[in-house]
N, C-alpha and C. Protein backbone atom coordinates (compact mmCIF):
# COMPACT_ATOMS: atom_id res chain seq x y z
N MET A 1 74.85 39.73 61.19
CA MET A 1 76.00 38.92 60.86
C MET A 1 76.93 38.86 62.07
N ALA A 2 77.15 39.93 62.76
CA ALA A 2 78.07 39.95 63.83
C ALA A 2 77.56 39.05 64.93
N SER A 3 76.19 38.95 65.14
CA SER A 3 75.66 38.17 66.16
C SER A 3 75.91 36.68 65.76
N ALA A 4 75.78 36.26 64.53
CA ALA A 4 76.10 34.85 64.15
C ALA A 4 77.59 34.58 64.39
N ASN A 5 78.45 35.51 64.06
CA ASN A 5 79.87 35.24 64.33
C ASN A 5 80.20 35.07 65.88
N THR A 6 79.46 35.96 66.63
CA THR A 6 79.71 35.92 68.10
C THR A 6 79.20 34.62 68.57
N SER A 7 78.02 34.11 68.17
CA SER A 7 77.41 32.94 68.53
C SER A 7 78.30 31.72 68.17
N THR A 8 78.80 31.69 66.95
CA THR A 8 79.73 30.69 66.53
C THR A 8 81.02 30.67 67.35
N GLN A 9 81.56 31.81 67.59
CA GLN A 9 82.71 31.91 68.43
C GLN A 9 82.52 31.42 69.80
N GLN A 10 81.39 31.76 70.35
CA GLN A 10 81.12 31.28 71.73
C GLN A 10 81.01 29.72 71.76
N GLU A 11 80.29 29.14 70.75
CA GLU A 11 80.12 27.78 70.65
C GLU A 11 81.45 27.05 70.53
N LEU A 12 82.32 27.54 69.71
CA LEU A 12 83.68 27.00 69.57
C LEU A 12 84.47 27.13 70.92
N GLN A 13 84.35 28.17 71.57
CA GLN A 13 85.05 28.40 72.85
C GLN A 13 84.45 27.36 73.87
N ASP A 14 83.13 27.23 73.93
CA ASP A 14 82.58 26.32 74.83
C ASP A 14 83.07 24.88 74.50
N GLN A 15 82.99 24.53 73.24
CA GLN A 15 83.45 23.21 72.89
C GLN A 15 84.93 22.90 73.29
N PHE A 16 85.74 23.90 73.02
CA PHE A 16 87.22 23.86 73.35
C PHE A 16 87.34 23.62 74.90
N LEU A 17 86.60 24.46 75.64
CA LEU A 17 86.74 24.37 77.13
C LEU A 17 86.23 22.96 77.60
N SER A 18 85.18 22.52 76.95
CA SER A 18 84.60 21.18 77.38
C SER A 18 85.74 20.04 77.09
N ILE A 19 86.25 20.14 75.91
CA ILE A 19 87.37 19.23 75.60
C ILE A 19 88.56 19.26 76.59
N VAL A 20 88.90 20.45 77.00
CA VAL A 20 90.02 20.73 77.91
C VAL A 20 89.62 20.05 79.27
N ARG A 21 88.39 20.35 79.71
CA ARG A 21 87.97 19.77 80.99
C ARG A 21 87.94 18.34 81.02
N LYS A 22 87.45 17.69 79.90
CA LYS A 22 87.47 16.17 79.71
C LYS A 22 88.86 15.68 79.82
N GLY A 23 89.71 16.30 79.11
CA GLY A 23 91.12 15.85 79.17
C GLY A 23 91.72 15.95 80.58
N GLN A 24 91.37 16.98 81.25
CA GLN A 24 91.87 17.21 82.74
C GLN A 24 91.30 16.06 83.51
N GLU A 25 90.04 15.71 83.40
CA GLU A 25 89.41 14.58 84.14
C GLU A 25 90.07 13.23 83.82
N ILE A 26 90.40 13.07 82.66
CA ILE A 26 91.04 11.80 82.30
C ILE A 26 92.42 11.77 82.86
N ALA A 27 93.17 12.87 82.80
CA ALA A 27 94.49 12.98 83.36
C ALA A 27 94.44 12.74 84.87
N LEU A 28 93.52 13.40 85.55
CA LEU A 28 93.38 13.30 87.08
C LEU A 28 93.05 11.90 87.43
N ASP A 29 92.14 11.26 86.74
CA ASP A 29 91.80 9.83 87.03
C ASP A 29 93.03 8.89 86.86
N ALA A 30 93.85 9.17 85.77
CA ALA A 30 95.03 8.37 85.55
C ALA A 30 96.04 8.56 86.71
N ILE A 31 96.20 9.90 87.19
CA ILE A 31 97.16 10.13 88.18
C ILE A 31 96.70 9.54 89.50
N LYS A 32 95.42 9.61 89.84
CA LYS A 32 94.92 9.00 91.05
C LYS A 32 95.13 7.44 91.01
N SER A 33 94.83 6.84 89.92
CA SER A 33 95.00 5.44 89.75
C SER A 33 96.52 5.05 89.92
N MET A 34 97.41 5.77 89.35
CA MET A 34 98.88 5.51 89.46
C MET A 34 99.29 5.65 90.91
N VAL A 35 98.82 6.73 91.59
CA VAL A 35 99.21 6.97 93.00
C VAL A 35 98.76 5.83 93.78
N ASP A 36 97.46 5.39 93.66
CA ASP A 36 96.92 4.28 94.37
C ASP A 36 97.74 2.97 94.16
N THR A 37 98.13 2.77 92.94
CA THR A 37 98.86 1.49 92.58
C THR A 37 100.31 1.63 93.25
N VAL A 38 100.97 2.72 93.05
CA VAL A 38 102.28 2.88 93.57
C VAL A 38 102.31 2.82 95.14
N ALA A 39 101.28 3.36 95.74
CA ALA A 39 101.19 3.39 97.19
C ALA A 39 101.07 1.92 97.72
N THR A 40 100.43 1.05 96.95
CA THR A 40 100.29 -0.36 97.53
C THR A 40 101.49 -1.11 97.27
N ILE A 41 102.46 -0.76 96.44
CA ILE A 41 103.65 -1.60 96.24
C ILE A 41 104.94 -1.03 96.69
N THR A 42 104.91 0.14 97.31
CA THR A 42 106.05 0.80 97.80
C THR A 42 106.08 0.75 99.31
N PRO A 43 107.24 0.63 99.85
CA PRO A 43 107.36 0.66 101.39
C PRO A 43 107.16 2.10 101.88
N LYS A 44 106.75 2.23 103.09
CA LYS A 44 106.54 3.60 103.75
C LYS A 44 107.86 4.19 103.92
N ILE A 45 108.04 5.37 103.46
CA ILE A 45 109.27 6.09 103.63
C ILE A 45 109.29 6.78 104.93
N PRO A 46 110.30 6.61 105.73
CA PRO A 46 110.41 7.26 107.03
C PRO A 46 110.48 8.80 106.87
N THR A 47 110.04 9.44 107.83
CA THR A 47 110.04 10.93 107.97
C THR A 47 111.52 11.40 108.12
N VAL A 48 112.04 12.29 107.37
CA VAL A 48 113.33 12.78 107.51
C VAL A 48 113.31 14.19 107.95
N ASP A 49 114.12 14.50 108.95
CA ASP A 49 114.15 15.83 109.48
C ASP A 49 115.22 16.69 108.70
N VAL A 50 114.62 17.66 107.84
CA VAL A 50 115.47 18.39 106.96
C VAL A 50 115.40 19.82 107.53
N PRO A 51 116.55 20.36 107.86
CA PRO A 51 116.56 21.75 108.40
C PRO A 51 115.81 22.80 107.55
N PHE A 52 115.02 23.64 108.18
CA PHE A 52 114.25 24.71 107.40
C PHE A 52 113.23 24.16 106.53
N ALA A 53 112.94 22.89 106.49
CA ALA A 53 111.90 22.32 105.63
C ALA A 53 110.52 22.88 105.94
N ASP A 54 110.33 23.27 107.20
CA ASP A 54 109.04 23.83 107.57
C ASP A 54 108.83 25.23 107.04
N GLN A 55 109.92 25.83 106.59
CA GLN A 55 109.83 27.21 105.99
C GLN A 55 109.56 27.26 104.49
N LEU A 56 109.67 26.00 103.86
CA LEU A 56 109.37 25.93 102.44
C LEU A 56 107.90 26.06 102.18
N PRO A 57 107.52 26.65 101.08
CA PRO A 57 106.04 26.72 100.79
C PRO A 57 105.55 25.36 100.41
N LYS A 58 104.28 25.10 100.78
CA LYS A 58 103.57 23.90 100.49
C LYS A 58 103.26 23.86 99.07
N PRO A 59 103.16 22.69 98.28
CA PRO A 59 102.90 22.56 96.91
C PRO A 59 101.65 23.37 96.58
N LYS A 60 100.63 23.29 97.34
CA LYS A 60 99.32 23.96 97.18
C LYS A 60 99.44 25.48 97.15
N ASP A 61 100.38 25.94 97.94
CA ASP A 61 100.65 27.41 97.97
C ASP A 61 101.41 27.90 96.84
N VAL A 62 102.39 27.01 96.34
CA VAL A 62 103.11 27.34 95.08
C VAL A 62 102.20 27.43 93.86
N VAL A 63 101.22 26.45 93.76
CA VAL A 63 100.28 26.41 92.67
C VAL A 63 99.40 27.71 92.78
N ALA A 64 98.93 28.01 94.00
CA ALA A 64 98.08 29.20 94.08
C ALA A 64 98.74 30.53 93.70
N SER A 65 99.99 30.57 94.22
CA SER A 65 100.76 31.80 93.93
C SER A 65 101.04 31.97 92.43
N GLY A 66 101.31 30.79 91.74
CA GLY A 66 101.61 30.88 90.36
C GLY A 66 100.38 31.26 89.49
N TYR A 67 99.20 30.77 89.94
CA TYR A 67 98.01 31.12 89.20
C TYR A 67 97.55 32.59 89.56
N ASP A 68 97.86 33.05 90.74
CA ASP A 68 97.52 34.44 91.10
C ASP A 68 98.36 35.30 90.24
N PHE A 69 99.69 35.02 90.12
CA PHE A 69 100.51 35.82 89.30
C PHE A 69 99.98 35.80 87.80
N ALA A 70 99.75 34.63 87.31
CA ALA A 70 99.24 34.54 85.94
C ALA A 70 98.02 35.32 85.71
N GLN A 71 97.12 35.29 86.73
CA GLN A 71 95.91 36.10 86.59
C GLN A 71 96.10 37.56 86.51
N LYS A 72 97.08 38.01 87.27
CA LYS A 72 97.42 39.47 87.30
C LYS A 72 98.15 39.81 85.93
N LEU A 73 98.96 38.88 85.39
CA LEU A 73 99.63 39.13 84.20
C LEU A 73 98.53 39.21 83.01
N LEU A 74 97.66 38.26 83.04
CA LEU A 74 96.61 38.21 82.04
C LEU A 74 95.76 39.47 82.11
N THR A 75 95.39 39.93 83.31
CA THR A 75 94.65 41.11 83.42
C THR A 75 95.35 42.31 82.84
N SER A 76 96.64 42.38 83.20
CA SER A 76 97.48 43.51 82.62
C SER A 76 97.56 43.40 81.05
N GLN A 77 97.67 42.25 80.55
CA GLN A 77 97.81 42.09 79.13
C GLN A 77 96.46 42.51 78.43
N ARG A 78 95.34 42.10 79.03
CA ARG A 78 94.10 42.46 78.50
C ARG A 78 93.87 43.97 78.47
N LYS A 79 94.34 44.65 79.59
CA LYS A 79 94.17 46.09 79.65
C LYS A 79 95.06 46.78 78.50
N PHE A 80 96.19 46.22 78.33
CA PHE A 80 97.16 46.74 77.30
C PHE A 80 96.56 46.53 75.91
N ALA A 81 96.02 45.33 75.70
CA ALA A 81 95.35 45.07 74.36
C ALA A 81 94.21 45.93 74.07
N ASP A 82 93.37 46.16 75.14
CA ASP A 82 92.21 47.12 74.96
C ASP A 82 92.73 48.52 74.66
N GLU A 83 93.80 48.91 75.31
CA GLU A 83 94.33 50.30 75.02
C GLU A 83 94.99 50.34 73.55
N VAL A 84 95.46 49.31 73.08
CA VAL A 84 96.12 49.30 71.75
C VAL A 84 94.88 49.33 70.79
N VAL A 85 93.85 48.67 70.98
CA VAL A 85 92.70 48.74 70.12
C VAL A 85 92.19 50.12 70.08
N LYS A 86 92.04 50.72 71.30
CA LYS A 86 91.48 52.14 71.38
C LYS A 86 92.40 53.15 70.62
N ALA A 87 93.64 52.93 70.83
CA ALA A 87 94.66 53.83 70.17
C ALA A 87 94.60 53.68 68.67
N ALA A 88 94.41 52.45 68.16
CA ALA A 88 94.43 52.17 66.71
C ALA A 88 92.97 52.41 66.09
N ALA A 89 92.04 52.72 66.91
CA ALA A 89 90.64 52.87 66.39
C ALA A 89 90.45 53.87 65.22
N PRO A 90 91.20 55.01 65.26
CA PRO A 90 91.08 55.87 64.18
C PRO A 90 91.48 55.38 62.78
N LEU A 91 92.23 54.32 62.74
CA LEU A 91 92.66 53.81 61.57
C LEU A 91 91.84 52.70 61.05
N LEU A 92 90.86 52.28 61.79
CA LEU A 92 89.87 51.21 61.38
C LEU A 92 88.92 51.80 60.40
N PRO A 93 88.43 50.94 59.47
CA PRO A 93 87.46 51.49 58.47
C PRO A 93 86.20 52.05 59.16
N GLY A 94 85.73 53.19 58.74
CA GLY A 94 84.59 53.77 59.20
C GLY A 94 84.77 54.61 60.44
N ASN A 95 85.98 54.71 60.89
CA ASN A 95 86.21 55.50 62.13
C ASN A 95 87.00 56.82 61.86
N GLY A 96 87.24 57.20 60.64
CA GLY A 96 87.90 58.37 60.39
C GLY A 96 87.13 59.34 59.43
N ASP A 97 87.61 60.48 59.22
CA ASP A 97 87.07 61.39 58.20
C ASP A 97 87.35 60.95 56.77
N SER A 98 86.45 60.93 56.00
CA SER A 98 86.61 60.63 54.57
C SER A 98 87.28 61.78 53.93
N LYS A 99 88.37 61.69 53.18
CA LYS A 99 89.05 62.79 52.56
C LYS A 99 88.95 62.56 51.08
């Protein structure tokens, strides 16, 4: 029975991730199309010299940093959840002495 539940759970997770990926592809295609359209109808913006602009992080670096942090946070939360399950294990059915 546990195997069937695990299989069903995995199938649902796979379907969910597939739907998310498809949504991301649709959104990215729409963004690319919008950028292409806007680029053809807007004048070129001259480069502006902003003091210290070269010291600001690039958008790609900001995204990478945010996801690196999120990954560390998720890893920490998973470790905590595993420890909570382990600590609570004696209270689960079949894991204690029958009195």
